[in-house]
Amino acid sequence: MFPRIALAVCLATSLVWAQPANSPTTPRRAKNVILLLADAGGIPVVNAASILGYNAPQKLFIQSWDHIGLSDTSPVGKWVTDSAAGMTAIVTGQKTANGVISQSADGKRGEADGKPLKTILEYAEEHGLSTGVMSNVSIADATPAACYAHQNERGNWGQIFAQLFDPKFGDGVDVVFGNGRKRIWDLAGKVNVDLDALAKGAGRTVYSRLEDVPASENRAIAVYDSGIDLRAAARIAIQKLSKNPKGFFLMIESDAHTDQPKAGITRLLEFDKLIREISELTNPEETLLLFTADHSFDFRVAGGGPDQPITTGLEEWEAQTPEVRKQGLRIPAIRMNNSHTGEEVLVAAKGPGAELVRGFMPNTQLFQIMMSAYGWR
């Protein structure tokens, strides 16, 4: 009896391992990966966005996804991260110190470079995919910068943006849409970096509006002073990047900081609506959508109910002086202090490779998830 059982187990095991490459159990590979980053969009902000938009919890599109996990966000040597270290971990698979952009932790912020860390965008360039980075804050700020630049000081926007025109892999980021034009150019000028000359030398044009980008120009850069329409930018970016038969990588950042509470949770609500649109624009069999935050924020829904708007009392607080507002917010439904926090953040995924998102994980694992989705080692 026992030998027969053992034989049956061995045969079943051998059949599992002998399944062909096109077996239904073989993980699907992603042609495209879209990393959706809500800056400071921790779970409390996700919760508040659903309540603000639908007067009920768990109504956001991302909250309907099956594959979710929780990501630690701590940087090297601290419990609480900034966007530079947080995003570096996500796009390189290695943790670093606060303030450092895609460099190893053996450097010193603002003093000495660490080793450049190869980003998921740079791997995509190396493999011949099209790439894009876009944000509704400065395109040289920490989150987008970590995708394409290597810098020991996140505040060096001029030097950071200049790296777009001197890529380490491939021909550099194809589509770049964001804000911050005036400050980027001003900071570049202070260190004698001529961004217009660098762009011209690289055969690139930096437009000041999306409307100015020719439809035929697939390697497009548009940098506003402020006010970019993230929805319009995303549609244009996906349309251009999708022309590459090999696929693409795209990072989209939306600011969800809640030091201005209504603005922050509204941006996350609108980002969720955009993510729904993106899921309809892309092939679900080919595209991994990966949502997360680089860090959380000290914000909580601490009271209230469906019979009262979540923002009740907020107008009176907004009318206070900046000094008063810096002390935090206490209204019936919301508590807020002006700082990042160190708790885990949501990771949600949809599409090929999404099954790898589960349980508690370090933020460095998101890099491995994206690499695995593409089928890269």
Foldseek 3Di string as FASTA:
>chain_A
DVVVVVVVVVVVVVCVVPDDCPDPPNFFFFLEEEEEAAAQCFPQLQQLLCCQVPVDGQPFPLSPFDFKEWAFQQAPPDLFEHQQQLLLLQFQLAGAHHQWAQFHNVAAAPPGTHHHGQGNQQVCLQVPAAEEEEEQAFCLARNNLSRFAGHSGRVQSQVSVLSQLVGPGHLHHQYYYYEQVVVNCVSNVVVPHDSVVSCVVSVHDEAQAPVPDDLPRLRHHHYHNHDHDLLVSVVSNCVSRVVDPSHYYYYYYYYQQCLVPVVNSNRVSVSSVSVVVVVVVDDQQHYKYKYKYSFHFFKHQDADHSVDNLCVPVVVLVPDDPVSSQCWDDDHGMTHHGDTDGTIGMIGMGGGLSNVRDYYYYSSVSNVSNCVSNPHD
